[in-house]
């Protein structure tokens, strides 16, 4: 149960970041009719992962629910680790 809650919390943060960038893109015009389908597919995929895991957990299938959440949590964790390493190591990009 603890693993599910941790993964769900982390995935919720990933979803909030994606939603923030979507709304910011709508405001500044970088999300347009050219790429709106990509954004909607990404946001629907995130919603399916979160909603599907809640549905599986509600039916008592905690293992598959955690596995579904880890599909989104693993890339999010890798990117967060990358950003942390960039902040700590301060690499030269030239």
N, C-alpha and C. Protein backbone atom coordinates (compact mmCIF):
# COMPACT_ATOMS: atom_id res chain seq x y z
N UNK A 1 0.83 -1.20 0.00
CA UNK A 1 0.00 0.00 0.00
C UNK A 1 0.87 1.26 0.00
N UNK A 2 1.99 1.21 0.72
CA UNK A 2 2.88 2.36 0.78
C UNK A 2 3.52 2.62 -0.58
N UNK A 3 3.92 1.56 -1.28
CA UNK A 3 4.51 1.72 -2.60
C UNK A 3 3.52 2.37 -3.55
N UNK A 4 2.27 1.95 -3.50
CA UNK A 4 1.25 2.54 -4.37
C UNK A 4 1.10 4.03 -4.08
N UNK A 5 1.06 4.40 -2.81
CA UNK A 5 0.87 5.81 -2.46
C UNK A 5 2.06 6.66 -2.88
N UNK A 6 3.27 6.14 -2.71
CA UNK A 6 4.46 6.89 -3.10
C UNK A 6 4.48 7.07 -4.62
N UNK A 7 4.23 5.99 -5.35
CA UNK A 7 4.22 6.08 -6.81
C UNK A 7 3.10 6.99 -7.30
N UNK A 8 1.94 6.91 -6.68
CA UNK A 8 0.82 7.75 -7.09
C UNK A 8 1.13 9.23 -6.81
N UNK A 9 1.74 9.51 -5.67
CA UNK A 9 2.13 10.89 -5.36
C UNK A 9 3.15 11.43 -6.35
N UNK A 10 4.15 10.61 -6.69
CA UNK A 10 5.15 11.05 -7.65
C UNK A 10 4.54 11.23 -9.04
N UNK A 11 3.68 10.32 -9.44
CA UNK A 11 3.02 10.45 -10.74
C UNK A 11 2.10 11.66 -10.78
N UNK A 12 1.50 11.99 -9.67
CA UNK A 12 0.67 13.20 -9.61
C UNK A 12 1.51 14.45 -9.81
N UNK A 13 2.72 14.45 -9.25
CA UNK A 13 3.62 15.58 -9.48
C UNK A 13 4.03 15.67 -10.95
N UNK A 14 4.31 14.53 -11.56
CA UNK A 14 4.64 14.51 -12.99
C UNK A 14 3.47 15.05 -13.80
N UNK A 15 2.27 14.66 -13.44
CA UNK A 15 1.08 15.14 -14.15
C UNK A 15 0.91 16.65 -13.97
N UNK A 16 1.17 17.15 -12.78
CA UNK A 16 1.06 18.60 -12.56
C UNK A 16 2.09 19.37 -13.37
N UNK A 17 3.29 18.85 -13.49
CA UNK A 17 4.32 19.51 -14.29
C UNK A 17 3.91 19.52 -15.75
N UNK A 18 3.42 18.39 -16.26
CA UNK A 18 2.97 18.34 -17.65
C UNK A 18 1.80 19.29 -17.89
N UNK A 19 0.87 19.34 -16.96
CA UNK A 19 -0.26 20.25 -17.08
C UNK A 19 0.17 21.71 -17.03
N UNK A 20 1.16 22.01 -16.19
CA UNK A 20 1.69 23.37 -16.12
C UNK A 20 2.29 23.79 -17.45
N UNK A 21 3.11 22.93 -18.04
CA UNK A 21 3.73 23.27 -19.31
C UNK A 21 2.69 23.38 -20.42
N UNK A 22 1.64 22.59 -20.35
CA UNK A 22 0.56 22.69 -21.34
C UNK A 22 -0.14 24.04 -21.23
N UNK A 23 -0.50 24.43 -20.02
CA UNK A 23 -1.20 25.71 -19.83
C UNK A 23 -0.28 26.87 -20.18
N UNK A 24 1.00 26.80 -19.79
CA UNK A 24 1.94 27.86 -20.14
C UNK A 24 2.12 27.95 -21.65
N UNK A 25 2.11 26.80 -22.32
CA UNK A 25 2.20 26.80 -23.77
C UNK A 25 0.97 27.38 -24.43
N UNK A 26 -0.19 27.14 -23.85
CA UNK A 26 -1.41 27.76 -24.37
C UNK A 26 -1.37 29.28 -24.23
N UNK A 27 -0.81 29.74 -23.11
CA UNK A 27 -0.76 31.18 -22.86
C UNK A 27 0.22 31.86 -23.80
N UNK A 28 1.41 31.29 -23.98
CA UNK A 28 2.41 31.96 -24.81
C UNK A 28 2.32 31.59 -26.29
N UNK A 29 1.45 30.68 -26.65
CA UNK A 29 1.23 30.37 -28.05
C UNK A 29 2.08 29.24 -28.60
N UNK A 30 2.92 28.62 -27.80
CA UNK A 30 3.74 27.52 -28.31
C UNK A 30 2.94 26.23 -28.48
N UNK A 31 1.82 26.12 -27.82
CA UNK A 31 0.89 25.02 -28.07
C UNK A 31 -0.17 25.55 -29.02
N UNK A 32 -0.15 25.04 -30.23
CA UNK A 32 -1.04 25.55 -31.26
C UNK A 32 -1.74 24.38 -31.95
N UNK A 33 -2.41 24.68 -33.01
CA UNK A 33 -3.11 23.62 -33.75
C UNK A 33 -2.12 22.65 -34.40
N UNK A 34 -0.88 23.07 -34.55
CA UNK A 34 0.15 22.21 -35.14
C UNK A 34 0.50 21.04 -34.22
N UNK A 35 0.58 21.29 -32.91
CA UNK A 35 1.02 20.24 -31.99
C UNK A 35 0.02 19.93 -30.88
N UNK A 36 -1.21 20.37 -31.00
CA UNK A 36 -2.18 20.13 -29.94
C UNK A 36 -2.50 18.65 -29.78
N UNK A 37 -2.48 17.89 -30.89
CA UNK A 37 -2.78 16.46 -30.78
C UNK A 37 -1.70 15.72 -30.00
N UNK A 38 -0.45 16.13 -30.14
CA UNK A 38 0.62 15.52 -29.35
C UNK A 38 0.43 15.80 -27.87
N UNK A 39 0.10 17.04 -27.56
CA UNK A 39 -0.14 17.40 -26.17
C UNK A 39 -1.33 16.65 -25.58
N UNK A 40 -2.41 16.58 -26.34
CA UNK A 40 -3.60 15.88 -25.84
C UNK A 40 -3.34 14.39 -25.67
N UNK A 41 -2.58 13.79 -26.57
CA UNK A 41 -2.23 12.38 -26.42
C UNK A 41 -1.39 12.15 -25.18
N UNK A 42 -0.44 13.05 -24.92
CA UNK A 42 0.40 12.91 -23.73
C UNK A 42 -0.43 13.08 -22.46
N UNK A 43 -1.28 14.09 -22.43
CA UNK A 43 -2.10 14.31 -21.24
C UNK A 43 -3.12 13.19 -21.03
N UNK A 44 -3.68 12.66 -22.12
CA UNK A 44 -4.60 11.52 -21.99
C UNK A 44 -3.87 10.28 -21.50
N UNK A 45 -2.65 10.07 -21.97
CA UNK A 45 -1.86 8.93 -21.50
C UNK A 45 -1.58 9.03 -20.01
N UNK A 46 -1.24 10.22 -19.54
CA UNK A 46 -1.01 10.43 -18.12
C UNK A 46 -2.29 10.19 -17.33
N UNK A 47 -3.41 10.67 -17.86
CA UNK A 47 -4.70 10.46 -17.20
C UNK A 47 -5.09 9.00 -17.16
N UNK A 48 -4.79 8.26 -18.23
CA UNK A 48 -5.10 6.82 -18.25
C UNK A 48 -4.26 6.08 -17.23
N UNK A 49 -3.00 6.46 -17.10
CA UNK A 49 -2.14 5.80 -16.10
C UNK A 49 -2.66 6.06 -14.70
N UNK A 50 -2.98 7.31 -14.39
CA UNK A 50 -3.46 7.64 -13.04
C UNK A 50 -4.84 7.04 -12.77
N UNK A 51 -5.74 7.18 -13.73
CA UNK A 51 -7.09 6.64 -13.55
C UNK A 51 -7.12 5.13 -13.53
N UNK A 52 -6.35 4.50 -14.40
CA UNK A 52 -6.29 3.04 -14.43
C UNK A 52 -5.70 2.45 -13.16
N UNK A 53 -4.69 3.13 -12.62
CA UNK A 53 -4.10 2.63 -11.38
C UNK A 53 -5.07 2.78 -10.21
N UNK A 54 -5.83 3.87 -10.20
CA UNK A 54 -6.83 4.02 -9.14
C UNK A 54 -7.91 2.95 -9.26
N UNK A 55 -8.32 2.66 -10.50
CA UNK A 55 -9.32 1.62 -10.72
C UNK A 55 -8.81 0.25 -10.29
N UNK A 56 -7.58 -0.07 -10.67
CA UNK A 56 -7.00 -1.36 -10.26
C UNK A 56 -6.83 -1.45 -8.76
N UNK A 57 -6.39 -0.36 -8.13
CA UNK A 57 -6.23 -0.38 -6.68
C UNK A 57 -7.57 -0.52 -5.98
N UNK A 58 -8.59 0.11 -6.52
CA UNK A 58 -9.93 0.00 -5.93
C UNK A 58 -10.49 -1.41 -6.00
N UNK A 59 -10.08 -2.16 -7.02
CA UNK A 59 -10.54 -3.55 -7.16
C UNK A 59 -9.67 -4.53 -6.38
N UNK A 60 -8.62 -4.00 -5.72
CA UNK A 60 -7.77 -4.85 -4.90
C UNK A 60 -6.54 -5.40 -5.61
N UNK A 61 -6.26 -4.93 -6.81
CA UNK A 61 -5.09 -5.41 -7.56
C UNK A 61 -3.95 -4.40 -7.37
N UNK A 62 -3.30 -4.47 -6.21
CA UNK A 62 -2.27 -3.48 -5.91
C UNK A 62 -0.99 -3.69 -6.71
N UNK A 63 -0.65 -4.90 -7.02
CA UNK A 63 0.55 -5.17 -7.81
C UNK A 63 0.47 -4.60 -9.21
N UNK A 64 -0.58 -4.94 -9.97
CA UNK A 64 -0.70 -4.34 -11.29
C UNK A 64 -0.88 -2.82 -11.26
N UNK A 65 -1.53 -2.31 -10.21
CA UNK A 65 -1.69 -0.86 -10.09
C UNK A 65 -0.34 -0.18 -9.90
N UNK A 66 0.51 -0.76 -9.07
CA UNK A 66 1.84 -0.21 -8.86
C UNK A 66 2.69 -0.35 -10.12
N UNK A 67 2.53 -1.44 -10.85
CA UNK A 67 3.28 -1.63 -12.09
C UNK A 67 2.85 -0.59 -13.12
N UNK A 68 1.56 -0.30 -13.19
CA UNK A 68 1.08 0.71 -14.12
C UNK A 68 1.61 2.09 -13.73
N UNK A 69 1.66 2.38 -12.45
CA UNK A 69 2.19 3.67 -12.01
C UNK A 69 3.67 3.79 -12.28
N UNK A 70 4.39 2.68 -12.21
CA UNK A 70 5.83 2.74 -12.44
C UNK A 70 6.16 3.02 -13.90
N UNK A 71 5.21 2.78 -14.82
CA UNK A 71 5.42 3.12 -16.23
C UNK A 71 5.65 4.63 -16.38
N UNK A 72 4.97 5.43 -15.62
CA UNK A 72 5.13 6.87 -15.67
C UNK A 72 6.19 7.35 -14.67
N UNK A 73 6.34 6.65 -13.56
CA UNK A 73 7.27 7.11 -12.53
C UNK A 73 8.73 6.92 -12.93
N UNK A 74 9.04 5.87 -13.68
CA UNK A 74 10.44 5.62 -14.03
C UNK A 74 11.03 6.72 -14.90
N UNK A 75 10.38 7.14 -16.01
CA UNK A 75 10.96 8.25 -16.78
C UNK A 75 10.97 9.56 -16.00
N UNK A 76 9.95 9.79 -15.18
CA UNK A 76 9.92 11.00 -14.36
C UNK A 76 11.05 11.02 -13.36
N UNK A 77 11.33 9.88 -12.75
CA UNK A 77 12.42 9.79 -11.79
C UNK A 77 13.77 9.97 -12.48
N UNK A 78 13.93 9.39 -13.66
CA UNK A 78 15.19 9.54 -14.40
C UNK A 78 15.42 11.00 -14.79
N UNK A 79 14.38 11.70 -15.22
CA UNK A 79 14.53 13.10 -15.58
C UNK A 79 14.81 13.96 -14.34
N UNK A 80 14.17 13.67 -13.22
CA UNK A 80 14.43 14.42 -12.00
C UNK A 80 15.86 14.18 -11.53
N UNK A 81 16.35 12.96 -11.66
CA UNK A 81 17.74 12.66 -11.31
C UNK A 81 18.70 13.40 -12.24
N UNK A 82 18.38 13.46 -13.53
CA UNK A 82 19.20 14.20 -14.48
C UNK A 82 19.28 15.68 -14.10
N UNK A 83 18.14 16.29 -13.77
CA UNK A 83 18.13 17.69 -13.38
C UNK A 83 18.92 17.92 -12.10
N UNK A 84 18.82 17.01 -11.16
CA UNK A 84 19.57 17.12 -9.92
C UNK A 84 21.07 17.03 -10.19
N UNK A 85 21.47 16.12 -11.06
CA UNK A 85 22.89 16.00 -11.40
C UNK A 85 23.40 17.25 -12.13
N UNK A 86 22.59 17.83 -12.99
CA UNK A 86 23.00 19.06 -13.67
C UNK A 86 23.16 20.19 -12.66
N UNK A 87 22.28 20.27 -11.69
CA UNK A 87 22.41 21.32 -10.67
C UNK A 87 23.62 21.11 -9.78
N UNK A 88 23.92 19.88 -9.44
CA UNK A 88 25.03 19.60 -8.54
C UNK A 88 26.37 19.71 -9.26
N UNK A 89 26.49 19.06 -10.41
CA UNK A 89 27.78 18.98 -11.10
C UNK A 89 28.09 20.21 -11.94
N UNK A 90 27.10 20.96 -12.35
CA UNK A 90 27.25 22.16 -13.17
C UNK A 90 28.19 21.92 -14.35
N UNK A 91 27.77 21.07 -15.28
CA UNK A 91 28.66 20.74 -16.40
C UNK A 91 28.81 21.90 -17.38
N UNK A 92 29.89 21.86 -18.13
CA UNK A 92 30.10 22.83 -19.21
C UNK A 92 29.54 22.22 -20.48
N UNK A 93 28.68 22.93 -21.18
CA UNK A 93 27.98 22.38 -22.34
C UNK A 93 28.65 22.74 -23.65
N UNK A 94 29.80 23.41 -23.61
CA UNK A 94 30.44 23.77 -24.87
C UNK A 94 31.51 22.78 -25.29
